[in-house]
Structures are given as structure tokens and as C-alpha cells.
Amino acid sequence: MNRRQRSRIVLPVLLAALAAMFPVRAVSQALSALDLHGKAVDPLKASSGKLAVLVFVRTDCPISNRYAPVIQKMSADYAARSSFWLIYPDKSESPENISRHLKQYGYQLPALRDAKHALVQLSQVEITPEAAVFDSAGRLVYHGRIDNWYEDFGRSRTAPTTHELRDAIQAALNGKAPAVAATQGVGCYISDLK
């Protein structure tokens, strides 16, 4: 077998292996969640060249609710170069209940319902509150806790001593990989994970 014949065999195999290692995220309805009016939205596409920060919360999770001021402050701090989105993964959560939650906690962020868990799976989250940071090219660069305020469910520090989400955003804005790419959150489990 000559070199050209070998390349005809090896090249497709190599391309298939690379495709398996680096899957391309197809922009499709499947990766969308619904806004509170029932319209499908892909937050990565809608972030149009900015970082996309998806923060997963539940209306009934006390730890998620306690983070509301932190999430809002961070969103304001990075508003010029990132898009923050609140993602509600609870399948039973109604748009009306989410609207009440947004008002109760003073959120001014766009909210999406991820009942099919497309964004949960893409972001690799399991807990609320957890966040995922996607760079301007749509690559997941961080997923996990916001900071280490909570040591365990029911046990919190007076103040956090690490700030993983803020550090990940800053690193991505500087074109660098975060020092920590994934952490385990503390909070309420996202139900029905597959």
C-alpha cells in the first residue's frame, strides 16, 4: 500500500477520532430553553460575542435565594463584557412562579426555563446554585459553585474565602483558562438528571 492509499484510510479515521474528542455544538432548538413567554432562546447565541454566564437557581432553594445579591452584583460588575442568565431547571416551575421569584429578589436578569435540561447537560451542573461560564466562542470554561460561602448544606462561613466564578469570568475575559475549571456546588440537587 502506498502513502496516498494509507492517507485515504488513516485520514477519515483520524477525523472521526478528533470529532469524537471535540464535539461541535450545533446551534439548534435542542440547546434552547424557554423564556417566560414560551419563546425558545439559546443564551450562548444570544450573548453575541460576550461571555455567557449561566446561573442555575430554584425558587425553593434557600441557598440559591441567599446568593441573589451576589449574583446581581457580579452581573452588574461584568455587564459590559458578559451576559448573565438565570436558568430555572425545575420541570414543575411555572413562568408565573418564576416571575414572582424574580420580583421578590429584585433580579433584573433574563430568566429561562430549562425543563428539558439541555442547558443543565451542556453546563455539566447538578446543584443550584451553580454556574457555567462559556467563552465568546461558546466553549465551556468553568462550571461549579459561585464561591465557598457554603461548606456543606446548612453550614456557611461568615464570608467566602474563594471566588471561583468571579475568577473564572476574569480569566476568560483575559483570554486565559481559569485556574480552576470545575468545582462541586453546595445546595439543592437538580431533579431528574439523566
C-alpha atoms as a PDB file:
ATOM      1  CA  MET A   1       0.000   0.000   0.000  1.00  0.00           C
ATOM      2  CA  ASN A   2       1.488   3.359  -0.983  1.00  0.00           C
ATOM      3  CA  ARG A   3       1.426   6.587   1.014  1.00  0.00           C
ATOM      4  CA  ARG A   4      -1.607   8.036  -0.785  1.00  0.00           C
ATOM      5  CA  GLN A   5      -3.677   4.887  -0.166  1.00  0.00           C
ATOM      6  CA  ARG A   6      -2.723   4.879   3.530  1.00  0.00           C
ATOM      7  CA  SER A   7      -3.741   8.532   3.879  1.00  0.00           C
ATOM      8  CA  ARG A   8      -7.158   7.730   2.372  1.00  0.00           C
ATOM      9  CA  ILE A   9      -7.671   5.179   5.127  1.00  0.00           C
ATOM     10  CA  VAL A  10      -5.980   6.954   8.023  1.00  0.00           C
ATOM     11  CA  LEU A  11      -7.363  10.443   7.422  1.00  0.00           C
ATOM     12  CA  PRO A  12     -11.075   9.568   7.837  1.00  0.00           C
ATOM     13  CA  VAL A  13     -10.290   7.547  10.968  1.00  0.00           C
ATOM     14  CA  LEU A  14      -8.263  10.435  12.399  1.00  0.00           C
ATOM     15  CA  LEU A  15     -11.022  12.945  11.609  1.00  0.00           C
ATOM     16  CA  ALA A  16     -13.624  10.723  13.253  1.00  0.00           C
ATOM     17  CA  ALA A  17     -11.466  10.409  16.369  1.00  0.00           C
ATOM     18  CA  LEU A  18     -10.977  14.181  16.544  1.00  0.00           C
ATOM     19  CA  ALA A  19     -14.701  14.773  16.085  1.00  0.00           C
ATOM     20  CA  ALA A  20     -15.411  12.445  18.996  1.00  0.00           C
ATOM     21  CA  MET A  21     -12.870  14.232  21.183  1.00  0.00           C
ATOM     22  CA  PHE A  22     -14.044  17.752  20.288  1.00  0.00           C
ATOM     23  CA  PRO A  23     -17.761  17.637  19.527  1.00  0.00           C
ATOM     24  CA  VAL A  24     -19.144  20.660  17.723  1.00  0.00           C
ATOM     25  CA  ARG A  25     -22.093  22.258  19.458  1.00  0.00           C
ATOM     26  CA  ALA A  26     -24.802  22.529  16.888  1.00  0.00           C
ATOM     27  CA  VAL A  27     -26.922  25.630  17.300  1.00  0.00           C
ATOM     28  CA  SER A  28     -30.347  24.121  17.452  1.00  0.00           C
ATOM     29  CA  GLN A  29     -33.644  24.157  19.221  1.00  0.00           C
ATOM     30  CA  ALA A  30     -32.403  21.270  21.393  1.00  0.00           C
ATOM     31  CA  LEU A  31     -29.910  23.552  23.185  1.00  0.00           C
ATOM     32  CA  SER A  32     -32.503  26.207  23.814  1.00  0.00           C
ATOM     33  CA  ALA A  33     -34.547  26.905  26.878  1.00  0.00           C
ATOM     34  CA  LEU A  34     -37.791  28.836  27.063  1.00  0.00           C
ATOM     35  CA  ASP A  35     -38.143  32.413  28.210  1.00  0.00           C
ATOM     36  CA  LEU A  36     -41.107  33.296  30.415  1.00  0.00           C
ATOM     37  CA  HIS A  37     -43.271  33.907  27.326  1.00  0.00           C
ATOM     38  CA  GLY A  38     -42.581  30.433  25.902  1.00  0.00           C
ATOM     39  CA  LYS A  39     -40.085  31.572  23.236  1.00  0.00           C
ATOM     40  CA  ALA A  40     -37.048  29.327  22.626  1.00  0.00           C
ATOM     41  CA  VAL A  41     -33.755  31.076  23.420  1.00  0.00           C
ATOM     42  CA  ASP A  42     -30.169  29.889  23.057  1.00  0.00           C
ATOM     43  CA  PRO A  43     -28.327  32.022  25.652  1.00  0.00           C
ATOM     44  CA  LEU A  44     -24.916  31.326  24.097  1.00  0.00           C
ATOM     45  CA  LYS A  45     -26.053  32.573  20.703  1.00  0.00           C
ATOM     46  CA  ALA A  46     -27.975  35.476  22.269  1.00  0.00           C
ATOM     47  CA  SER A  47     -24.858  36.601  24.158  1.00  0.00           C
ATOM     48  CA  SER A  48     -23.424  37.623  20.747  1.00  0.00           C
ATOM     49  CA  GLY A  49     -19.689  37.521  21.260  1.00  0.00           C
ATOM     50  CA  LYS A  50     -19.711  38.143  25.007  1.00  0.00           C
ATOM     51  CA  LEU A  51     -19.055  35.614  27.727  1.00  0.00           C
ATOM     52  CA  ALA A  52     -22.233  33.764  28.650  1.00  0.00           C
ATOM     53  CA  VAL A  53     -22.655  33.115  32.370  1.00  0.00           C
ATOM     54  CA  LEU A  54     -25.490  30.722  33.180  1.00  0.00           C
ATOM     55  CA  VAL A  55     -26.508  30.695  36.834  1.00  0.00           C
ATOM     56  CA  PHE A  56     -28.752  27.775  37.791  1.00  0.00           C
ATOM     57  CA  VAL A  57     -31.255  28.578  40.537  1.00  0.00           C
ATOM     58  CA  ARG A  58     -34.503  27.276  42.009  1.00  0.00           C
ATOM     59  CA  THR A  59     -37.248  29.311  43.606  1.00  0.00           C
ATOM     60  CA  ASP A  60     -37.453  26.906  46.558  1.00  0.00           C
ATOM     61  CA  CYS A  61     -33.714  26.542  47.254  1.00  0.00           C
ATOM     62  CA  PRO A  62     -32.672  28.625  50.275  1.00  0.00           C
ATOM     63  CA  ILE A  63     -29.010  28.656  49.250  1.00  0.00           C
ATOM     64  CA  SER A  64     -29.878  29.839  45.717  1.00  0.00           C
ATOM     65  CA  ASN A  65     -32.020  32.573  47.212  1.00  0.00           C
ATOM     66  CA  ARG A  66     -29.300  33.678  49.614  1.00  0.00           C
ATOM     67  CA  TYR A  67     -26.960  34.188  46.634  1.00  0.00           C
ATOM     68  CA  ALA A  68     -29.338  36.622  44.870  1.00  0.00           C
ATOM     69  CA  PRO A  69     -27.415  39.795  45.898  1.00  0.00           C
ATOM     70  CA  VAL A  70     -24.073  38.187  44.974  1.00  0.00           C
ATOM     71  CA  ILE A  71     -25.348  37.140  41.539  1.00  0.00           C
ATOM     72  CA  GLN A  72     -26.811  40.585  40.866  1.00  0.00           C
ATOM     73  CA  LYS A  73     -23.626  42.384  41.955  1.00  0.00           C
ATOM     74  CA  MET A  74     -21.432  40.156  39.801  1.00  0.00           C
ATOM     75  CA  SER A  75     -23.760  40.621  36.825  1.00  0.00           C
ATOM     76  CA  ALA A  76     -23.547  44.405  37.206  1.00  0.00           C
ATOM     77  CA  ASP A  77     -19.755  44.309  37.592  1.00  0.00           C
ATOM     78  CA  TYR A  78     -19.306  42.397  34.318  1.00  0.00           C
ATOM     79  CA  ALA A  79     -22.275  43.737  32.321  1.00  0.00           C
ATOM     80  CA  ALA A  80     -20.140  45.344  29.597  1.00  0.00           C
ATOM     81  CA  ARG A  81     -18.354  42.118  28.598  1.00  0.00           C
ATOM     82  CA  SER A  82     -20.614  39.261  29.690  1.00  0.00           C
ATOM     83  CA  SER A  83     -24.242  38.202  29.626  1.00  0.00           C
ATOM     84  CA  PHE A  84     -25.695  36.691  32.787  1.00  0.00           C
ATOM     85  CA  TRP A  85     -28.716  34.399  32.563  1.00  0.00           C
ATOM     86  CA  LEU A  86     -30.761  32.851  35.351  1.00  0.00           C
ATOM     87  CA  ILE A  87     -31.626  29.274  34.444  1.00  0.00           C
ATOM     88  CA  TYR A  88     -34.515  27.555  36.238  1.00  0.00           C
ATOM     89  CA  PRO A  89     -34.084  23.778  35.702  1.00  0.00           C
ATOM     90  CA  ASP A  90     -37.062  22.592  37.786  1.00  0.00           C
ATOM     91  CA  LYS A  91     -39.525  20.969  35.375  1.00  0.00           C
ATOM     92  CA  SER A  92     -42.515  21.885  37.538  1.00  0.00           C
ATOM     93  CA  GLU A  93     -41.664  25.606  37.793  1.00  0.00           C
ATOM     94  CA  SER A  94     -44.268  27.846  36.127  1.00  0.00           C
ATOM     95  CA  PRO A  95     -43.474  31.146  34.392  1.00  0.00           C
ATOM     96  CA  GLU A  96     -45.734  32.910  36.904  1.00  0.00           C
ATOM     97  CA  ASN A  97     -43.834  31.484  39.873  1.00  0.00           C
ATOM     98  CA  ILE A  98     -40.504  32.426  38.288  1.00  0.00           C
ATOM     99  CA  SER A  99     -41.777  35.973  37.674  1.00  0.00           C
ATOM    100  CA  ARG A 100     -42.745  36.259  41.352  1.00  0.00           C
ATOM    101  CA  HIS A 101     -39.308  34.952  42.336  1.00  0.00           C
ATOM    102  CA  LEU A 102     -37.541  37.499  40.114  1.00  0.00           C
ATOM    103  CA  LYS A 103     -39.579  40.312  41.614  1.00  0.00           C
ATOM    104  CA  GLN A 104     -39.169  39.085  45.217  1.00  0.00           C
ATOM    105  CA  TYR A 105     -35.366  39.024  44.909  1.00  0.00           C
ATOM    106  CA  GLY A 106     -35.058  42.120  42.708  1.00  0.00           C
ATOM    107  CA  TYR A 107     -33.491  40.286  39.778  1.00  0.00           C
ATOM    108  CA  GLN A 108     -33.060  42.270  36.564  1.00  0.00           C
ATOM    109  CA  LEU A 109     -31.511  39.362  34.655  1.00  0.00           C
ATOM    110  CA  PRO A 110     -33.094  37.398  31.819  1.00  0.00           C
ATOM    111  CA  ALA A 111     -34.596  34.139  33.043  1.00  0.00           C
ATOM    112  CA  LEU A 112     -35.006  30.873  31.150  1.00  0.00           C
ATOM    113  CA  ARG A 113     -36.865  27.659  31.948  1.00  0.00           C
ATOM    114  CA  ASP A 114     -34.745  24.589  31.171  1.00  0.00           C
ATOM    115  CA  ALA A 115     -37.359  21.886  31.690  1.00  0.00           C
ATOM    116  CA  LYS A 116     -35.661  19.543  29.196  1.00  0.00           C
ATOM    117  CA  HIS A 117     -32.272  20.083  30.917  1.00  0.00           C
ATOM    118  CA  ALA A 118     -30.474  20.884  27.659  1.00  0.00           C
ATOM    119  CA  LEU A 119     -28.545  23.684  29.375  1.00  0.00           C
ATOM    120  CA  VAL A 120     -28.046  21.595  32.528  1.00  0.00           C
ATOM    121  CA  GLN A 121     -26.314  18.894  30.475  1.00  0.00           C
ATOM    122  CA  LEU A 122     -24.339  21.353  28.362  1.00  0.00           C
ATOM    123  CA  SER A 123     -23.157  23.146  31.523  1.00  0.00           C
ATOM    124  CA  GLN A 124     -22.465  19.943  33.487  1.00  0.00           C
ATOM    125  CA  VAL A 125     -24.197  21.253  36.610  1.00  0.00           C
ATOM    126  CA  GLU A 126     -26.004  19.195  39.260  1.00  0.00           C
ATOM    127  CA  ILE A 127     -26.795  21.662  42.044  1.00  0.00           C
ATOM    128  CA  THR A 128     -28.478  25.024  42.470  1.00  0.00           C
ATOM    129  CA  PRO A 129     -26.837  27.419  42.765  1.00  0.00           C
ATOM    130  CA  GLU A 130     -24.114  26.502  40.319  1.00  0.00           C
ATOM    131  CA  ALA A 131     -22.852  28.495  37.362  1.00  0.00           C
ATOM    132  CA  ALA A 132     -21.305  27.828  33.983  1.00  0.00           C
ATOM    133  CA  VAL A 133     -19.073  30.204  32.053  1.00  0.00           C
ATOM    134  CA  PHE A 134     -18.872  29.938  28.267  1.00  0.00           C
ATOM    135  CA  ASP A 135     -16.266  31.968  26.413  1.00  0.00           C
ATOM    136  CA  SER A 136     -17.143  34.136  23.411  1.00  0.00           C
ATOM    137  CA  ALA A 137     -16.671  31.105  21.116  1.00  0.00           C
ATOM    138  CA  GLY A 138     -19.235  29.106  23.132  1.00  0.00           C
ATOM    139  CA  ARG A 139     -16.754  26.793  24.884  1.00  0.00           C
ATOM    140  CA  LEU A 140     -17.444  25.781  28.477  1.00  0.00           C
ATOM    141  CA  VAL A 141     -14.506  27.087  30.521  1.00  0.00           C
ATOM    142  CA  TYR A 142     -15.897  26.731  34.062  1.00  0.00           C
ATOM    143  CA  HIS A 143     -18.748  25.028  35.875  1.00  0.00           C
ATOM    144  CA  GLY A 144     -19.461  24.760  39.568  1.00  0.00           C
ATOM    145  CA  ARG A 145     -20.028  26.807  42.680  1.00  0.00           C
ATOM    146  CA  ILE A 146     -20.098  30.587  42.843  1.00  0.00           C
ATOM    147  CA  ASP A 147     -17.701  30.660  45.799  1.00  0.00           C
ATOM    148  CA  ASN A 148     -17.063  28.720  49.010  1.00  0.00           C
ATOM    149  CA  TRP A 149     -19.519  30.598  51.221  1.00  0.00           C
ATOM    150  CA  TYR A 150     -21.206  27.253  51.970  1.00  0.00           C
ATOM    151  CA  GLU A 151     -19.079  24.418  53.309  1.00  0.00           C
ATOM    152  CA  ASP A 152     -21.998  21.999  53.371  1.00  0.00           C
ATOM    153  CA  PHE A 153     -25.770  22.172  53.342  1.00  0.00           C
ATOM    154  CA  GLY A 154     -26.698  24.164  56.456  1.00  0.00           C
ATOM    155  CA  ARG A 155     -23.098  25.200  57.213  1.00  0.00           C
ATOM    156  CA  SER A 156     -21.850  28.509  55.884  1.00  0.00           C
ATOM    157  CA  ARG A 157     -18.847  30.713  56.508  1.00  0.00           C
ATOM    158  CA  THR A 158     -19.188  34.310  57.629  1.00  0.00           C
ATOM    159  CA  ALA A 159     -17.805  35.281  54.219  1.00  0.00           C
ATOM    160  CA  PRO A 160     -16.380  33.309  51.305  1.00  0.00           C
ATOM    161  CA  THR A 161     -12.620  32.878  51.103  1.00  0.00           C
ATOM    162  CA  THR A 162     -12.508  31.768  47.457  1.00  0.00           C
ATOM    163  CA  HIS A 163     -14.388  33.239  44.482  1.00  0.00           C
ATOM    164  CA  GLU A 164     -14.317  30.613  41.733  1.00  0.00           C
ATOM    165  CA  LEU A 165     -16.995  32.118  39.482  1.00  0.00           C
ATOM    166  CA  ARG A 166     -15.533  35.628  39.596  1.00  0.00           C
ATOM    167  CA  ASP A 167     -12.031  34.212  38.990  1.00  0.00           C
ATOM    168  CA  ALA A 168     -13.268  32.153  36.018  1.00  0.00           C
ATOM    169  CA  ILE A 169     -15.005  35.156  34.444  1.00  0.00           C
ATOM    170  CA  GLN A 170     -11.922  37.328  34.881  1.00  0.00           C
ATOM    171  CA  ALA A 171      -9.638  34.657  33.405  1.00  0.00           C
ATOM    172  CA  ALA A 172     -11.936  34.160  30.389  1.00  0.00           C
ATOM    173  CA  LEU A 173     -12.115  37.915  29.807  1.00  0.00           C
ATOM    174  CA  ASN A 174      -8.309  37.973  29.803  1.00  0.00           C
ATOM    175  CA  GLY A 175      -8.221  35.133  27.264  1.00  0.00           C
ATOM    176  CA  LYS A 176      -6.868  32.624  29.747  1.00  0.00           C
ATOM    177  CA  ALA A 177      -8.122  29.328  31.115  1.00  0.00           C
ATOM    178  CA  PRO A 178      -9.379  29.575  34.709  1.00  0.00           C
ATOM    179  CA  ALA A 179      -7.040  28.158  37.342  1.00  0.00           C
ATOM    180  CA  VAL A 180      -9.976  26.001  38.460  1.00  0.00           C
ATOM    181  CA  ALA A 181     -12.221  24.659  35.666  1.00  0.00           C
ATOM    182  CA  ALA A 182     -14.763  22.782  37.816  1.00  0.00           C
ATOM    183  CA  THR A 183     -15.913  22.705  41.422  1.00  0.00           C
ATOM    184  CA  GLN A 184     -18.653  20.954  43.363  1.00  0.00           C
ATOM    185  CA  GLY A 185     -21.534  23.149  44.479  1.00  0.00           C
ATOM    186  CA  VAL A 186     -23.478  23.061  47.712  1.00  0.00           C
ATOM    187  CA  GLY A 187     -27.218  23.495  47.538  1.00  0.00           C
ATOM    188  CA  CYS A 188     -30.287  21.797  46.135  1.00  0.00           C
ATOM    189  CA  TYR A 189     -29.947  18.944  43.642  1.00  0.00           C
ATOM    190  CA  ILE A 190     -31.410  19.415  40.211  1.00  0.00           C
ATOM    191  CA  SER A 191     -34.044  16.712  39.968  1.00  0.00           C
ATOM    192  CA  ASP A 192     -34.428  14.218  37.165  1.00  0.00           C
ATOM    193  CA  LEU A 193     -30.857  14.369  35.922  1.00  0.00           C
ATOM    194  CA  LYS A 194     -30.281  11.779  33.229  1.00  0.00           C
END
